[in-house]
N, C-alpha and C. Protein backbone atom coordinates (compact mmCIF):
# COMPACT_ATOMS: atom_id res chain seq x y z
N UNK A 1 -59.10 6.68 -16.61
CA UNK A 1 -58.68 5.71 -15.69
C UNK A 1 -57.19 5.90 -15.38
N UNK A 2 -56.87 5.88 -14.16
CA UNK A 2 -55.50 6.10 -13.77
C UNK A 2 -54.85 4.72 -13.46
N UNK A 3 -53.60 4.67 -13.97
CA UNK A 3 -52.84 3.42 -13.63
C UNK A 3 -51.74 3.83 -12.70
N UNK A 4 -51.68 3.16 -11.66
CA UNK A 4 -50.62 3.40 -10.69
C UNK A 4 -49.52 2.38 -10.85
N UNK A 5 -48.34 2.88 -11.09
CA UNK A 5 -47.16 1.99 -11.20
C UNK A 5 -46.38 2.02 -9.93
N UNK A 6 -45.96 0.89 -9.55
CA UNK A 6 -45.08 0.82 -8.38
C UNK A 6 -43.72 1.33 -8.76
N UNK A 7 -43.22 2.28 -8.05
CA UNK A 7 -41.89 2.84 -8.33
C UNK A 7 -40.82 2.05 -7.57
N UNK A 8 -39.95 1.40 -8.29
CA UNK A 8 -38.89 0.68 -7.67
C UNK A 8 -37.76 1.61 -7.38
N UNK A 9 -37.38 1.68 -6.13
CA UNK A 9 -36.24 2.53 -5.75
C UNK A 9 -35.16 1.65 -5.13
N UNK A 10 -33.94 1.84 -5.52
CA UNK A 10 -32.84 1.10 -4.97
C UNK A 10 -32.59 -0.18 -5.72
N UNK A 11 -31.76 -1.00 -5.09
CA UNK A 11 -31.34 -2.28 -5.70
C UNK A 11 -31.88 -3.44 -4.86
N UNK A 12 -32.02 -4.55 -5.56
CA UNK A 12 -32.42 -5.74 -4.81
C UNK A 12 -31.21 -6.33 -4.13
N UNK A 13 -31.44 -7.23 -3.19
CA UNK A 13 -30.32 -7.84 -2.45
C UNK A 13 -29.48 -8.72 -3.40
N UNK A 14 -30.06 -9.32 -4.35
CA UNK A 14 -29.35 -10.18 -5.29
C UNK A 14 -28.42 -9.31 -6.16
N UNK A 15 -28.92 -8.21 -6.62
CA UNK A 15 -28.06 -7.32 -7.46
C UNK A 15 -26.90 -6.80 -6.65
N UNK A 16 -27.16 -6.43 -5.40
CA UNK A 16 -26.11 -5.93 -4.53
C UNK A 16 -25.03 -7.00 -4.26
N UNK A 17 -25.44 -8.22 -4.03
CA UNK A 17 -24.53 -9.31 -3.78
C UNK A 17 -23.65 -9.63 -5.02
N UNK A 18 -24.25 -9.52 -6.19
CA UNK A 18 -23.49 -9.76 -7.42
C UNK A 18 -22.40 -8.72 -7.57
N UNK A 19 -22.72 -7.47 -7.32
CA UNK A 19 -21.74 -6.38 -7.42
C UNK A 19 -20.63 -6.60 -6.39
N UNK A 20 -20.96 -6.94 -5.15
CA UNK A 20 -19.96 -7.16 -4.10
C UNK A 20 -19.05 -8.35 -4.49
N UNK A 21 -19.59 -9.42 -5.05
CA UNK A 21 -18.75 -10.55 -5.41
C UNK A 21 -17.85 -10.20 -6.57
N UNK A 22 -18.28 -9.39 -7.54
CA UNK A 22 -17.43 -8.96 -8.61
C UNK A 22 -16.25 -8.11 -8.11
N UNK A 23 -16.57 -7.21 -7.18
CA UNK A 23 -15.50 -6.40 -6.60
C UNK A 23 -14.51 -7.26 -5.84
N UNK A 24 -15.00 -8.26 -5.12
CA UNK A 24 -14.14 -9.17 -4.39
C UNK A 24 -13.19 -9.92 -5.31
N UNK A 25 -13.68 -10.42 -6.42
CA UNK A 25 -12.84 -11.15 -7.39
C UNK A 25 -11.77 -10.20 -7.98
N UNK A 26 -12.17 -8.99 -8.34
CA UNK A 26 -11.22 -8.03 -8.89
C UNK A 26 -10.15 -7.68 -7.88
N UNK A 27 -10.53 -7.49 -6.64
CA UNK A 27 -9.55 -7.18 -5.58
C UNK A 27 -8.61 -8.33 -5.35
N UNK A 28 -9.09 -9.56 -5.38
CA UNK A 28 -8.27 -10.72 -5.19
C UNK A 28 -7.20 -10.85 -6.29
N UNK A 29 -7.55 -10.43 -7.47
CA UNK A 29 -6.62 -10.45 -8.58
C UNK A 29 -5.64 -9.28 -8.57
N UNK A 30 -6.10 -8.13 -8.12
CA UNK A 30 -5.29 -6.91 -8.20
C UNK A 30 -4.31 -6.72 -7.08
N UNK A 31 -4.65 -7.12 -5.83
CA UNK A 31 -3.80 -6.87 -4.68
C UNK A 31 -2.41 -7.53 -4.82
N UNK A 32 -2.29 -8.81 -5.19
CA UNK A 32 -0.93 -9.37 -5.32
C UNK A 32 -0.13 -8.68 -6.39
N UNK A 33 -0.72 -8.30 -7.48
CA UNK A 33 0.03 -7.60 -8.54
C UNK A 33 0.52 -6.24 -8.04
N UNK A 34 -0.34 -5.56 -7.29
CA UNK A 34 0.02 -4.28 -6.74
C UNK A 34 1.20 -4.42 -5.76
N UNK A 35 1.17 -5.45 -4.93
CA UNK A 35 2.28 -5.67 -4.02
C UNK A 35 3.62 -5.96 -4.73
N UNK A 36 3.52 -6.68 -5.87
CA UNK A 36 4.70 -6.95 -6.64
C UNK A 36 5.27 -5.67 -7.26
N UNK A 37 4.42 -4.85 -7.77
CA UNK A 37 4.89 -3.59 -8.34
C UNK A 37 5.47 -2.66 -7.28
N UNK A 38 4.86 -2.70 -6.11
CA UNK A 38 5.37 -1.91 -4.99
C UNK A 38 6.78 -2.42 -4.58
N UNK A 39 6.98 -3.71 -4.58
CA UNK A 39 8.29 -4.27 -4.20
C UNK A 39 9.34 -3.85 -5.24
N UNK A 40 8.98 -3.87 -6.53
CA UNK A 40 9.92 -3.40 -7.57
C UNK A 40 10.31 -1.95 -7.39
N UNK A 41 9.35 -1.13 -7.02
CA UNK A 41 9.62 0.30 -6.78
C UNK A 41 10.57 0.45 -5.56
N UNK A 42 10.34 -0.35 -4.51
CA UNK A 42 11.19 -0.25 -3.34
C UNK A 42 12.63 -0.76 -3.64
N UNK A 43 12.73 -1.72 -4.56
CA UNK A 43 14.05 -2.24 -4.89
C UNK A 43 14.86 -1.26 -5.69
N UNK A 44 14.26 -0.21 -6.20
CA UNK A 44 14.99 0.81 -6.94
C UNK A 44 16.01 1.51 -6.03
N UNK A 45 15.76 1.48 -4.71
CA UNK A 45 16.70 2.07 -3.76
C UNK A 45 18.08 1.49 -3.95
N UNK A 46 18.18 0.19 -4.09
CA UNK A 46 19.46 -0.48 -4.20
C UNK A 46 20.17 -0.09 -5.49
N UNK A 47 19.45 -0.07 -6.57
CA UNK A 47 20.05 0.27 -7.84
C UNK A 47 20.59 1.70 -7.84
N UNK A 48 19.80 2.63 -7.33
CA UNK A 48 20.24 4.01 -7.25
C UNK A 48 21.43 4.18 -6.31
N UNK A 49 21.35 3.57 -5.16
CA UNK A 49 22.45 3.70 -4.16
C UNK A 49 23.74 3.08 -4.64
N UNK A 50 23.66 1.92 -5.33
CA UNK A 50 24.89 1.28 -5.84
C UNK A 50 25.49 2.15 -6.94
N UNK A 51 24.69 2.75 -7.80
CA UNK A 51 25.23 3.64 -8.80
C UNK A 51 25.91 4.86 -8.15
N UNK A 52 25.32 5.36 -7.07
CA UNK A 52 25.90 6.49 -6.33
C UNK A 52 27.24 6.09 -5.70
N UNK A 53 27.28 4.90 -5.15
CA UNK A 53 28.52 4.37 -4.52
C UNK A 53 29.62 4.28 -5.57
N UNK A 54 29.22 3.80 -6.80
CA UNK A 54 30.23 3.72 -7.87
C UNK A 54 30.80 5.14 -8.19
N UNK A 55 29.93 6.10 -8.31
CA UNK A 55 30.39 7.46 -8.63
C UNK A 55 31.30 8.02 -7.55
N UNK A 56 30.93 7.79 -6.27
CA UNK A 56 31.78 8.30 -5.18
C UNK A 56 33.11 7.58 -5.17
N UNK A 57 33.11 6.29 -5.41
CA UNK A 57 34.38 5.52 -5.43
C UNK A 57 35.28 5.98 -6.54
N UNK A 58 34.73 6.24 -7.71
CA UNK A 58 35.55 6.73 -8.83
C UNK A 58 36.14 8.11 -8.51
N UNK A 59 35.33 8.94 -7.88
CA UNK A 59 35.85 10.29 -7.50
C UNK A 59 36.96 10.12 -6.43
N UNK A 60 36.79 9.24 -5.46
CA UNK A 60 37.81 9.00 -4.46
C UNK A 60 39.08 8.44 -5.09
N UNK A 61 38.89 7.50 -6.06
CA UNK A 61 40.03 6.92 -6.74
C UNK A 61 40.82 7.97 -7.53
N UNK A 62 40.08 8.89 -8.14
CA UNK A 62 40.77 9.96 -8.90
C UNK A 62 41.64 10.83 -8.01
N UNK A 63 41.25 10.99 -6.79
CA UNK A 63 42.05 11.85 -5.88
C UNK A 63 43.14 11.08 -5.13
N UNK A 64 42.93 9.78 -4.89
CA UNK A 64 43.84 9.03 -4.01
C UNK A 64 44.52 7.82 -4.63
N UNK A 65 44.21 7.51 -5.88
CA UNK A 65 44.76 6.33 -6.57
C UNK A 65 44.55 5.02 -5.83
N UNK A 66 43.48 4.93 -5.13
CA UNK A 66 43.04 3.68 -4.43
C UNK A 66 41.55 3.77 -4.19
N UNK A 67 40.94 2.63 -4.00
CA UNK A 67 39.52 2.62 -3.66
C UNK A 67 39.33 2.54 -2.15
N UNK A 68 38.28 3.13 -1.65
CA UNK A 68 38.00 3.13 -0.25
C UNK A 68 37.22 1.91 0.15
N UNK A 69 37.29 1.53 1.44
CA UNK A 69 36.53 0.39 1.95
C UNK A 69 35.57 0.83 3.07
N UNK A 70 35.24 2.12 3.10
CA UNK A 70 34.28 2.65 4.11
C UNK A 70 33.42 3.69 3.44
N UNK A 71 32.13 3.64 3.75
CA UNK A 71 31.21 4.62 3.22
C UNK A 71 31.46 6.03 3.80
N UNK A 72 31.97 6.06 5.01
CA UNK A 72 32.33 7.31 5.63
C UNK A 72 33.45 8.00 4.82
N UNK A 73 34.40 7.22 4.38
CA UNK A 73 35.54 7.77 3.62
C UNK A 73 35.09 8.41 2.30
N UNK A 74 34.15 7.78 1.61
CA UNK A 74 33.76 8.33 0.32
C UNK A 74 32.57 9.31 0.43
N UNK A 75 31.97 9.38 1.64
CA UNK A 75 30.93 10.34 1.87
C UNK A 75 29.52 9.83 1.50
N UNK A 76 29.34 8.54 1.57
CA UNK A 76 28.01 7.96 1.26
C UNK A 76 27.24 7.76 2.54
N UNK A 77 26.00 8.22 2.54
CA UNK A 77 25.13 7.98 3.72
C UNK A 77 23.69 7.92 3.25
N UNK A 78 22.91 7.22 4.03
CA UNK A 78 21.47 7.11 3.77
C UNK A 78 20.76 7.43 5.07
N UNK A 79 19.90 8.42 5.03
CA UNK A 79 19.14 8.86 6.19
C UNK A 79 19.99 8.99 7.45
N UNK A 80 21.17 9.60 7.29
CA UNK A 80 22.05 9.81 8.41
C UNK A 80 22.97 8.69 8.77
N UNK A 81 22.79 7.51 8.17
CA UNK A 81 23.64 6.36 8.46
C UNK A 81 24.90 6.40 7.58
N UNK A 82 26.04 6.19 8.19
CA UNK A 82 27.30 6.13 7.45
C UNK A 82 28.26 5.29 8.23
N UNK A 83 29.39 4.96 7.66
CA UNK A 83 30.42 4.14 8.36
C UNK A 83 30.96 3.11 7.43
N UNK A 84 31.59 2.08 8.01
CA UNK A 84 32.14 1.00 7.22
C UNK A 84 31.05 0.20 6.51
N UNK A 85 29.92 0.01 7.23
CA UNK A 85 28.75 -0.62 6.67
C UNK A 85 27.53 0.20 7.07
N UNK A 86 26.47 -0.01 6.29
CA UNK A 86 25.19 0.63 6.58
C UNK A 86 24.17 -0.48 6.76
N UNK A 87 23.52 -0.53 7.90
CA UNK A 87 22.58 -1.57 8.17
C UNK A 87 21.17 -1.15 7.73
N UNK A 88 20.42 -2.14 7.26
CA UNK A 88 19.06 -1.87 6.89
C UNK A 88 18.27 -1.53 8.14
N UNK A 89 17.41 -0.54 8.01
CA UNK A 89 16.60 -0.08 9.15
C UNK A 89 15.23 0.31 8.62
N UNK A 90 14.25 -0.60 8.71
CA UNK A 90 12.95 -0.33 8.10
C UNK A 90 12.27 0.86 8.72
N UNK A 91 12.56 1.16 10.01
CA UNK A 91 11.93 2.33 10.63
C UNK A 91 12.40 3.63 9.97
N UNK A 92 13.65 3.68 9.56
CA UNK A 92 14.20 4.88 8.89
C UNK A 92 14.07 4.79 7.36
N UNK A 93 13.28 3.83 6.91
CA UNK A 93 13.06 3.65 5.44
C UNK A 93 14.30 3.30 4.68
N UNK A 94 15.24 2.66 5.34
CA UNK A 94 16.45 2.11 4.66
C UNK A 94 16.18 0.61 4.47
N UNK A 95 15.80 0.23 3.28
CA UNK A 95 15.38 -1.13 3.02
C UNK A 95 16.54 -2.10 2.75
N UNK A 96 17.72 -1.55 2.46
CA UNK A 96 18.85 -2.34 2.12
C UNK A 96 20.01 -2.02 3.06
N UNK A 97 20.81 -3.01 3.40
CA UNK A 97 22.07 -2.82 4.11
C UNK A 97 23.16 -2.81 3.07
N UNK A 98 24.18 -2.01 3.27
CA UNK A 98 25.29 -1.85 2.31
C UNK A 98 26.59 -2.22 2.94
N UNK A 99 27.40 -2.99 2.24
CA UNK A 99 28.72 -3.39 2.70
C UNK A 99 29.69 -3.41 1.51
N UNK A 100 30.97 -3.41 1.85
CA UNK A 100 31.99 -3.65 0.79
C UNK A 100 32.39 -5.11 0.91
N UNK A 101 32.26 -5.84 -0.22
CA UNK A 101 32.77 -7.22 -0.26
C UNK A 101 34.27 -7.16 -0.29
N UNK A 102 34.82 -6.23 -1.07
CA UNK A 102 36.26 -6.10 -1.18
C UNK A 102 36.55 -4.70 -1.64
N UNK A 103 37.74 -4.23 -1.29
CA UNK A 103 38.26 -2.93 -1.75
C UNK A 103 39.78 -2.96 -1.69
N UNK A 104 40.43 -2.63 -2.83
CA UNK A 104 41.87 -2.63 -2.85
C UNK A 104 42.31 -1.41 -3.70
N UNK A 105 43.55 -1.40 -4.03
CA UNK A 105 44.10 -0.30 -4.82
C UNK A 105 43.46 -0.29 -6.20
N UNK A 106 43.17 -1.44 -6.77
CA UNK A 106 42.73 -1.50 -8.14
C UNK A 106 41.26 -1.92 -8.35
N UNK A 107 40.57 -2.32 -7.28
CA UNK A 107 39.23 -2.83 -7.48
C UNK A 107 38.39 -2.68 -6.21
N UNK A 108 37.10 -2.70 -6.38
CA UNK A 108 36.16 -2.72 -5.23
C UNK A 108 34.88 -3.42 -5.66
N UNK A 109 34.17 -3.97 -4.71
CA UNK A 109 32.83 -4.51 -4.91
C UNK A 109 31.99 -4.13 -3.74
N UNK A 110 30.90 -3.40 -3.98
CA UNK A 110 29.98 -3.01 -2.95
C UNK A 110 28.70 -3.83 -3.10
N UNK A 111 28.06 -4.18 -1.98
CA UNK A 111 26.88 -5.04 -2.02
C UNK A 111 25.75 -4.37 -1.26
N UNK A 112 24.52 -4.60 -1.80
CA UNK A 112 23.31 -4.15 -1.14
C UNK A 112 22.48 -5.40 -0.84
N UNK A 113 22.04 -5.57 0.41
CA UNK A 113 21.23 -6.73 0.84
C UNK A 113 19.95 -6.22 1.43
N UNK A 114 18.80 -6.72 0.94
CA UNK A 114 17.49 -6.29 1.45
C UNK A 114 17.28 -6.85 2.83
N UNK A 115 16.70 -6.04 3.69
CA UNK A 115 16.32 -6.50 5.03
C UNK A 115 15.13 -7.43 4.90
N UNK A 116 14.95 -8.29 5.88
CA UNK A 116 13.85 -9.24 5.86
C UNK A 116 12.51 -8.50 5.79
N UNK A 117 11.67 -8.89 4.87
CA UNK A 117 10.34 -8.32 4.63
C UNK A 117 10.32 -6.85 4.33
N UNK A 118 11.45 -6.26 3.95
CA UNK A 118 11.45 -4.85 3.62
C UNK A 118 10.82 -4.56 2.28
N UNK A 119 10.69 -5.58 1.44
CA UNK A 119 10.08 -5.38 0.13
C UNK A 119 8.64 -5.83 0.12
N UNK A 120 8.11 -6.20 1.27
CA UNK A 120 6.73 -6.67 1.35
C UNK A 120 6.68 -8.17 1.55
N UNK A 121 5.51 -8.67 1.89
CA UNK A 121 5.35 -10.07 2.20
C UNK A 121 5.47 -10.95 0.95
N UNK A 122 5.27 -10.36 -0.21
CA UNK A 122 5.37 -11.14 -1.47
C UNK A 122 6.82 -11.58 -1.72
N UNK A 123 7.78 -10.77 -1.34
CA UNK A 123 9.18 -11.02 -1.68
C UNK A 123 9.97 -11.11 -0.39
N UNK A 124 9.76 -12.18 0.35
CA UNK A 124 10.46 -12.36 1.63
C UNK A 124 11.86 -12.97 1.43
N UNK A 125 12.13 -13.52 0.27
CA UNK A 125 13.46 -14.10 0.00
C UNK A 125 14.50 -12.95 -0.10
N UNK A 126 15.75 -13.36 0.16
CA UNK A 126 16.84 -12.36 0.12
C UNK A 126 16.97 -11.77 -1.28
N UNK A 127 17.16 -10.49 -1.33
CA UNK A 127 17.33 -9.78 -2.57
C UNK A 127 18.57 -8.90 -2.43
N UNK A 128 19.54 -9.11 -3.28
CA UNK A 128 20.77 -8.32 -3.15
C UNK A 128 21.34 -7.97 -4.52
N UNK A 129 22.28 -7.08 -4.52
CA UNK A 129 22.94 -6.65 -5.77
C UNK A 129 24.32 -6.14 -5.48
N UNK A 130 25.11 -6.04 -6.51
CA UNK A 130 26.51 -5.57 -6.36
C UNK A 130 26.87 -4.59 -7.45
N UNK A 131 27.92 -3.81 -7.22
CA UNK A 131 28.51 -2.96 -8.21
C UNK A 131 30.03 -3.03 -8.01
N UNK A 132 30.77 -2.93 -9.12
CA UNK A 132 32.22 -2.97 -8.99
C UNK A 132 32.84 -1.78 -9.71
N UNK A 133 34.19 -1.81 -9.77
CA UNK A 133 34.92 -0.66 -10.37
C UNK A 133 34.66 -0.48 -11.85
N UNK A 134 34.13 -1.47 -12.52
CA UNK A 134 33.83 -1.38 -13.96
C UNK A 134 32.37 -0.97 -14.21
N UNK A 135 31.70 -0.61 -13.15
CA UNK A 135 30.25 -0.24 -13.15
C UNK A 135 29.40 -1.38 -13.65
N UNK A 136 29.78 -2.60 -13.29
CA UNK A 136 28.95 -3.73 -13.60
C UNK A 136 28.02 -3.89 -12.43
N UNK A 137 26.74 -3.51 -12.68
CA UNK A 137 25.71 -3.49 -11.65
C UNK A 137 24.85 -4.79 -11.80
N UNK A 138 24.91 -5.65 -10.82
CA UNK A 138 24.12 -6.87 -10.88
C UNK A 138 23.07 -6.82 -9.80
N UNK A 139 21.86 -6.66 -10.18
CA UNK A 139 20.75 -6.73 -9.21
C UNK A 139 19.58 -7.35 -9.93
N UNK A 140 19.12 -8.46 -9.45
CA UNK A 140 17.99 -9.15 -10.16
C UNK A 140 16.72 -8.33 -10.10
N UNK A 141 15.97 -8.40 -11.18
CA UNK A 141 14.70 -7.73 -11.22
C UNK A 141 13.67 -8.52 -10.50
N UNK A 142 12.86 -7.87 -9.71
CA UNK A 142 11.80 -8.55 -9.00
C UNK A 142 10.60 -8.69 -9.95
N UNK A 143 10.02 -9.89 -9.94
CA UNK A 143 8.86 -10.15 -10.81
C UNK A 143 7.61 -9.76 -10.03
N UNK A 144 6.74 -8.97 -10.68
CA UNK A 144 5.51 -8.59 -10.02
C UNK A 144 4.66 -9.79 -9.70
N UNK A 145 3.97 -9.68 -8.56
CA UNK A 145 3.05 -10.74 -8.16
C UNK A 145 3.69 -11.76 -7.23
N UNK A 146 2.87 -12.47 -6.52
CA UNK A 146 3.41 -13.50 -5.57
C UNK A 146 3.43 -14.84 -6.21
């Protein structure tokens, strides 16, 4: 006697919907965290650039016994932008604008200010940092997640 078994191929609609809902929940949890980590990575531009400005200012000071108040003078540029100030330009991937708060014979303070929404929609608030002649770098750490 032969027994014929029905061969089930594929998944039922209920099983498929359960898998889709699990993926949706995981995505809802993961996307904001990913955006936060992405914003932290983008904010590294400011930390690196301010450290570079400090090095260039110290080199300029060693040659001239004064600090410069122009990025053109010390040779600092980002994606071809240079001058007294550097404006943030999201199209050219310059997420921060750079200015000198002060520069004199004995001291300087350079500032980096994030452009609006340059760090993503999670971090739309202003994000800035400074560096001075003592290499005191103040830039707040972005917290991952919204």
